[in-house]
Amino acid sequence: MEIDSFLDDSKVNRNVGNNIVEATYCDSVIEITKTLPQNELTEYDCWSIFKERAFANKRPLPLDLKKIGKEIVKKCKRVPWAARFLGGIMYLIRDNGEWLSIQNNKIWDLSDDDNNGVFHILKLGYDHLQKPSLKRCFAYCAVFRKDYDMEKDEVIQHWIAEGFLEPSKEANMVMEDIEEGYWIKEMGPLKNIRGEISIYNLEVVEDEEEAKSPKLKEKEIFKLGLYWKDRDGHCYNFRAAESNYDKDERVLEGLQPHSNLKSMGIEFYGGKKFPSWVGLSLYHNLIEIKLSSSHKCEEVPTLGHLPCLRVLEMRGMRKWKDAKELTNAGEVLVFPCLEELTIIYCDKLRDLPDSLHTCISLQKLVVESCLDLSSLPGVLSPIQQLEIKNCSTEELPRGIQFCTSLQYLEIGRCSNLKSIPESLQSCVSLQKFEVRYCRHVRYLPGVPSVIQHLEIIGCGIDELPSGLQFCTSLLFLKIGDCPNLKSIPDLGEVFHSLIHLKLSNCPDLRLKLSRREGHLKDFDNRWVY
């Protein structure tokens, strides 16, 4: 077991089922540690948190487990840490019967109102930890006094001293050494290295031959991270001379991994193009590719033909212009299994491939801070999450009216966008809709009655979406910086569900609240008269 993976959630070794939970009800701790807030979320948000943990590492999501999982999430009472904790526990459980036993466990019927169910949920999770070593580690933390500030390394030493954990074996020792900058040629002869490896400080590698010395191509690595930075995030390659780009290209060429690779991340790479092995059909098992902060890169590999690719993320590719490189000309079906596509901070990107509208599995599309992007391809009905922010597009993707699975729609700082299609009302699953700083949007269509979270900030509208008074599932309503908005209709029955109402900087707004606003937990009406 790799100790860091057990404790550090960002490096959880999902194959061995290690999980760690950080739970707090203190706002100051949340601010410092950036953990999840304790506030109630929408059902969609809570399910997303649970699903991310329970079906991590692209574990299949069968319909029967999805149905059970959603019922378990309901029992979390929209509390974020509970969904996250239980999601981590459910990841370790493969048997459908055990999922049902957790759903129907009598512990849910016990009262624990003072602690929001904290102790019951922790007990439920503890009982279903399948590895005795995890239970011992979990229980040992009780020896520390209340509010004791536990350091990661200190806890590890306690666990090792008690015999709960064995010191790392050869493979994990090498993984730690590599992360600290260890190279030279000692890794090459070690044949038993497999699993997950992250290699840092690649800027110190001199040439392709040195890069080949670990013999990554011969080692069964399923997840590989290649970073031109240190473990603390300090990048010494960012301001490298323009003439050094070919050195990084040669180094990356020499780091070709094993053909069984499933996940690959590359960050702060300084080359202008990626080597020939990236995108080869040889890597037909790849399910995740993340390319980040390759600021000099002008070309990307063709990836649309990879049959198993589910997650593709491109960030900070500031010189990349032509996304059509992602697919081969004439391909009828591209990215057959792609579920998530994220493109952020690609300043010069002009368009996306039209063939993306054939991505029959696409569930999440995020396009942000692509300032030259003026149009978007159509989307298909499986899409569940759509985010378009800080782009030059004049209209939303075609086919949005057929997206009956769409649950989350966010549009922000699209200065050329003038309207949102009336057909939005056809998105019958939409739970969360946010539109921010689209100044030319002067009209918003009606929203479906199942909406739970609605934010309208910095728009030119003079009235709210029609039918809002019938949205009896609405929990959160925020309206701000809409100078043309003059009135809000009586929301009537909506106040039976509404928990948070925030209004700000709408100087001409005259607000008349129903007498049924007593359910509100949070009402903020700055700059409203």
Foldseek 3Di string as FASTA:
>chain_A
DQLCLLDPVVNPQPVVLRDDADDDQDPVVCVVVVDDYQDADPLVVLLVLLCCQQCPPNNDDDPLLSVLLSLLSVLLRRGNRLSNLVSSLNNVDDDSVVSVCLSPPCLSVDDDVVVSCVVSSVVSSLVSPPDVLVNVLVVVVVVDDPPDDDDSVVSVVVCVVVVSDDPDDDQSVVLVCQLQPDAAQVQQVDAAHEEEHEHECCVPDAFLVSLQRNVQQRHHYQEYEYECAHPVRHHPLLPPDLVCQVRLQGSQQNNDHHLNHAEYEYECRAHQEHDPNVQDLSNLNHAYYAYEQNQNHAAYAANFVNARHAYYYYYNPQNHAEQCNNHDPPDQATNQRHAEYYYENNQRHAAHDLSVQNNPRHAYYAYENNANHADYHAHDQNHAEYHAENYQHQADYPPCLNNLNHAYYEYYNNQNHQEYDLSQQSNQNHAEYEYEQNANHADYEAHHLCHAYYEYYNYQHQADYPPQLSNLNHAYYEYENHQNHAEYDASPNNLVNYAEYYYEHHQNYDYDYDPSNVNYPYYHHYNHD
